[in-house]
Amino acid sequence: METTTFQSMRNINERSASLLLLLLFSADFVFIAVHCIQELTPLINDKLYSIGRDRGFSEIFQYIKWFWIIVLFTYLTISRRSFSYVAWGVTFLYLLCDDSLGIHEKVGRLITGNLGFEPPFGLYPRDLGELAVSVVAGMTLTPLLIWAYLRGSQAFKNMSRDMLLLILLLAFFGVAFDTVHSIVRGIGLGWKVEFILGLIEDGGEMLIASLMLWYIFLLSVRDDICTSFLFDSVRRLLKRPSV
């Protein structure tokens, strides 16, 4: 009877998490569609509907995702009685502050404001400054995450490996793709190329943030918290022999 009840609760929790992911992705794609309408047609003439607009409607939705993730990590810290989860909470607190306050943009401009050099590849000095701030932030947070990983439980280590994969994907869109976008803008390949790159960059960030929220929510409601399904799945996929 207890096994049946446990399995039933597990199925309910996983269905709830799947439904949450569906809702998040639905909202993301609506924001992306409205962005395309705003950019490509005269039907909407308000930059707040642009997914690349600071403090626009989609950006505010991103803030809410980061905030919910922080709340869930706080819940995990209390429910699992482990301060290791605080390290990831602090990481997402930085992401929230960076997105909402534009930390890397403002500090990057401040750093490069008085530098009299011309970066290569058509980049602006502020682009290098923003990249430098992001790198320094990552280097600052990494020791805290390593410390938490080393002292954390196996469940925490499984979660951390999965979160690292998602963070790398977020960095790919938010840092690497942003740099490519800036290079293309400097070269001047036309608004169509810039539009597509901007759509991939900002849309990718939105979808990855939704995946992160889904993952932490699922971790919070599952009883078998030692199960890791992202890192291990990727590792098995890479080890699979080719036909």
Protein backbone atom coordinates (compact mmCIF):
# COMPACT_ATOMS: atom_id res chain seq x y z
CA MET A 1 0.00 0.00 0.00
CA GLU A 2 2.79 2.44 0.89
CA THR A 3 4.65 1.62 -2.33
CA THR A 4 1.51 2.24 -4.38
CA THR A 5 0.88 5.56 -2.64
CA PHE A 6 4.51 6.62 -3.14
CA GLN A 7 4.39 5.77 -6.86
CA SER A 8 1.09 7.62 -7.24
CA MET A 9 2.46 10.76 -5.57
CA ARG A 10 5.60 10.57 -7.72
CA ASN A 11 3.51 10.39 -10.90
CA ILE A 12 1.40 13.37 -9.78
CA ASN A 13 4.52 15.42 -9.02
CA GLU A 14 6.13 14.64 -12.36
CA ARG A 15 2.94 15.46 -14.26
CA SER A 16 2.69 18.74 -12.36
CA ALA A 17 6.27 19.62 -13.32
CA SER A 18 5.60 18.70 -16.96
CA LEU A 19 2.52 20.93 -16.96
CA LEU A 20 4.58 23.78 -15.49
CA LEU A 21 7.16 23.39 -18.28
CA LEU A 22 4.37 23.43 -20.87
CA LEU A 23 2.98 26.65 -19.38
CA LEU A 24 6.41 28.30 -19.27
CA PHE A 25 7.27 27.33 -22.85
CA SER A 26 3.82 28.48 -24.03
CA ALA A 27 4.39 31.91 -22.49
CA ASP A 28 7.91 32.10 -23.95
CA PHE A 29 6.74 31.31 -27.47
CA VAL A 30 3.92 33.84 -27.19
CA PHE A 31 6.46 36.52 -26.23
CA ILE A 32 8.68 35.45 -29.15
CA ALA A 33 5.74 35.55 -31.58
CA VAL A 34 4.62 38.99 -30.39
CA HIS A 35 8.22 40.18 -30.69
CA CYS A 36 8.31 39.06 -34.33
CA ILE A 37 5.00 40.84 -35.00
CA GLN A 38 6.32 44.00 -33.35
CA GLU A 39 9.59 43.95 -35.30
CA LEU A 40 8.33 42.84 -38.71
CA THR A 41 4.86 44.36 -39.03
CA PRO A 42 3.14 47.67 -38.27
CA LEU A 43 0.52 45.96 -36.10
CA ILE A 44 2.36 46.62 -32.84
CA ASN A 45 4.38 49.79 -32.33
CA ASP A 46 5.70 49.45 -28.80
CA LYS A 47 9.29 48.35 -28.01
CA LEU A 48 8.14 47.00 -24.65
CA TYR A 49 6.92 43.95 -26.59
CA SER A 50 10.46 43.28 -27.87
CA ILE A 51 12.24 40.35 -26.19
CA GLY A 52 15.50 42.29 -26.43
CA ARG A 53 14.15 45.34 -24.61
CA ASP A 54 15.49 45.99 -21.11
CA ARG A 55 12.59 45.93 -18.63
CA GLY A 56 10.22 44.95 -21.42
CA PHE A 57 7.34 42.57 -20.81
CA SER A 58 9.31 39.41 -21.62
CA GLU A 59 12.28 40.64 -19.58
CA ILE A 60 10.02 41.09 -16.55
CA PHE A 61 8.85 37.51 -17.06
CA GLN A 62 12.51 36.49 -16.89
CA TYR A 63 12.88 38.33 -13.57
CA ILE A 64 9.94 36.36 -12.22
CA LYS A 65 11.58 33.06 -13.29
CA TRP A 66 14.84 33.94 -11.53
CA PHE A 67 12.90 34.98 -8.41
CA TRP A 68 10.92 31.73 -8.35
CA ILE A 69 14.15 29.74 -8.70
CA ILE A 70 15.63 31.62 -5.71
CA VAL A 71 12.49 30.83 -3.70
CA LEU A 72 12.76 27.14 -4.62
CA PHE A 73 16.43 27.00 -3.62
CA THR A 74 15.47 28.59 -0.31
CA TYR A 75 12.83 25.91 0.11
CA LEU A 76 15.39 23.19 -0.71
CA THR A 77 17.83 24.66 1.81
CA ILE A 78 15.20 24.36 4.53
CA SER A 79 13.55 21.09 3.51
CA ARG A 80 16.82 19.24 2.81
CA ARG A 81 18.54 20.92 5.77
CA SER A 82 21.57 21.66 3.62
CA PHE A 83 23.24 25.05 3.24
CA SER A 84 24.89 23.86 0.03
CA TYR A 85 21.80 24.94 -1.89
CA VAL A 86 22.44 28.53 -0.77
CA ALA A 87 25.35 28.70 -3.22
CA TRP A 88 23.02 28.18 -6.17
CA GLY A 89 20.51 30.58 -4.65
CA VAL A 90 23.21 33.27 -4.53
CA THR A 91 24.13 32.51 -8.15
CA PHE A 92 20.57 33.09 -9.32
CA LEU A 93 20.28 36.15 -7.11
CA TYR A 94 23.18 37.59 -9.10
CA LEU A 95 21.43 36.68 -12.37
CA LEU A 96 18.29 38.44 -11.17
CA CYS A 97 20.20 41.56 -10.14
CA ASP A 98 22.27 41.53 -13.33
CA ASP A 99 19.21 41.27 -15.56
CA SER A 100 17.06 43.77 -13.67
CA LEU A 101 19.78 46.34 -12.88
CA GLY A 102 21.98 45.86 -15.95
CA ILE A 103 25.11 45.30 -13.87
CA HIS A 104 27.38 43.98 -16.60
CA GLU A 105 26.25 46.70 -19.04
CA LYS A 106 26.76 49.58 -16.58
CA VAL A 107 30.03 48.31 -15.11
CA GLY A 108 31.28 47.35 -18.56
CA ARG A 109 30.67 50.87 -19.88
CA LEU A 110 32.30 52.32 -16.77
CA ILE A 111 35.42 50.19 -17.26
CA THR A 112 35.85 50.97 -20.95
CA GLY A 113 34.54 54.52 -20.93
CA ASN A 114 37.96 56.15 -20.87
CA LEU A 115 39.89 53.56 -22.88
CA GLY A 116 41.10 54.88 -26.19
CA PHE A 117 41.41 51.68 -28.22
CA GLU A 118 39.39 50.05 -30.97
CA PRO A 119 38.54 46.37 -30.34
CA PRO A 120 38.88 43.92 -33.23
CA PHE A 121 36.10 42.24 -35.23
CA GLY A 122 33.91 45.34 -35.19
CA LEU A 123 33.24 45.12 -31.46
CA TYR A 124 32.64 48.21 -29.37
CA PRO A 125 34.74 48.82 -26.23
CA ARG A 126 31.61 48.37 -24.12
CA ASP A 127 31.17 44.86 -25.58
CA LEU A 128 34.56 43.82 -24.21
CA GLY A 129 33.77 45.52 -20.91
CA GLU A 130 30.48 43.61 -20.57
CA LEU A 131 32.24 40.35 -21.41
CA ALA A 132 34.95 41.07 -18.83
CA VAL A 133 32.35 41.75 -16.12
CA SER A 134 30.56 38.47 -16.90
CA VAL A 135 33.84 36.55 -16.70
CA VAL A 136 34.76 38.17 -13.37
CA ALA A 137 31.30 37.40 -11.98
CA GLY A 138 31.67 33.77 -13.02
CA MET A 139 35.12 33.54 -11.45
CA THR A 140 33.75 35.05 -8.23
CA LEU A 141 30.82 32.65 -7.95
CA THR A 142 32.74 29.52 -8.99
CA PRO A 143 34.68 29.05 -5.69
CA LEU A 144 31.42 29.25 -3.74
CA LEU A 145 29.83 26.61 -5.97
CA ILE A 146 32.90 24.36 -5.76
CA TRP A 147 32.88 24.63 -1.96
CA ALA A 148 29.18 23.74 -1.86
CA TYR A 149 29.72 20.85 -4.27
CA LEU A 150 32.54 19.33 -2.23
CA ARG A 151 30.58 19.42 1.03
CA GLY A 152 27.18 18.63 -0.47
CA SER A 153 25.30 15.34 -0.53
CA GLN A 154 25.20 13.05 -3.56
CA ALA A 155 21.78 14.47 -4.41
CA PHE A 156 23.22 17.99 -4.39
CA LYS A 157 26.14 16.90 -6.57
CA ASN A 158 23.77 15.33 -9.08
CA MET A 159 21.72 18.53 -9.16
CA SER A 160 24.83 20.71 -9.48
CA ARG A 161 26.09 18.79 -12.50
CA ASP A 162 22.72 19.20 -14.16
CA MET A 163 22.58 22.90 -13.32
CA LEU A 164 26.08 23.37 -14.72
CA LEU A 165 24.89 22.02 -18.07
CA LEU A 166 22.00 24.50 -18.06
CA ILE A 167 24.26 27.37 -16.98
CA LEU A 168 26.62 26.59 -19.88
CA LEU A 169 23.68 26.66 -22.27
CA LEU A 170 22.57 29.98 -20.79
CA ALA A 171 26.11 31.35 -21.20
CA PHE A 172 26.16 30.13 -24.80
CA PHE A 173 23.14 32.25 -25.67
CA GLY A 174 23.72 35.13 -23.25
CA VAL A 175 27.50 35.58 -23.64
CA ALA A 176 28.88 33.71 -26.65
CA PHE A 177 25.94 34.39 -28.97
CA ASP A 178 25.72 37.96 -27.71
CA THR A 179 29.37 38.49 -28.72
CA VAL A 180 28.71 37.05 -32.19
CA HIS A 181 25.67 39.31 -32.47
CA SER A 182 27.82 42.33 -31.62
CA ILE A 183 30.42 41.34 -34.22
CA VAL A 184 27.74 40.99 -36.90
CA ARG A 185 26.29 44.36 -35.89
CA GLY A 186 29.73 45.95 -36.24
CA ILE A 187 30.37 44.37 -39.64
CA GLY A 188 26.97 45.46 -40.89
CA LEU A 189 25.48 42.36 -42.54
CA GLY A 190 22.00 43.81 -42.57
CA TRP A 191 19.00 44.00 -40.30
CA LYS A 192 17.69 40.56 -41.28
CA VAL A 193 20.80 38.77 -40.02
CA GLU A 194 20.81 40.92 -36.87
CA PHE A 195 17.12 40.15 -36.29
CA ILE A 196 17.65 36.38 -36.57
CA LEU A 197 20.71 36.42 -34.29
CA GLY A 198 18.90 38.58 -31.74
CA LEU A 199 15.89 36.25 -31.86
CA ILE A 200 18.08 33.19 -31.23
CA GLU A 201 20.04 34.95 -28.47
CA ASP A 202 17.12 36.34 -26.45
CA GLY A 203 14.70 33.51 -27.25
CA GLY A 204 17.31 30.93 -26.26
CA GLU A 205 17.87 32.64 -22.91
CA MET A 206 14.14 32.61 -22.22
CA LEU A 207 13.75 28.90 -22.98
CA ILE A 208 16.80 27.90 -20.93
CA ALA A 209 15.51 29.93 -17.96
CA SER A 210 12.22 28.03 -18.22
CA LEU A 211 14.11 24.72 -18.26
CA MET A 212 16.00 25.77 -15.14
CA LEU A 213 12.80 26.67 -13.31
CA TRP A 214 11.17 23.39 -14.36
CA TYR A 215 14.18 21.39 -13.18
CA ILE A 216 14.35 23.01 -9.74
CA PHE A 217 10.59 22.73 -9.31
CA LEU A 218 10.73 19.02 -10.16
CA LEU A 219 13.62 18.53 -7.75
CA SER A 220 11.61 20.28 -5.03
CA VAL A 221 8.52 18.07 -5.35
CA ARG A 222 10.20 14.71 -5.98
CA ASP A 223 10.88 12.25 -3.18
CA ASP A 224 13.67 10.40 -5.01
CA ILE A 225 15.94 13.44 -4.99
CA CYS A 226 19.07 11.43 -5.79
CA THR A 227 17.90 10.87 -9.36
CA SER A 228 19.85 12.90 -11.89
CA PHE A 229 18.39 12.90 -15.37
CA LEU A 230 20.20 15.59 -17.38
CA PHE A 231 23.93 15.06 -16.89
CA ASP A 232 23.63 11.28 -16.84
CA SER A 233 21.39 11.26 -19.92
CA VAL A 234 23.87 13.39 -21.87
CA ARG A 235 26.76 11.21 -20.75
CA ARG A 236 24.94 8.04 -21.83
CA LEU A 237 24.10 9.65 -25.16
CA LEU A 238 27.75 10.55 -25.78
CA LYS A 239 28.88 7.05 -24.86
CA ARG A 240 26.32 5.37 -27.10
CA PRO A 241 28.12 3.58 -29.95
CA SER A 242 27.36 4.89 -33.41
CA VAL A 243 25.59 2.57 -35.80
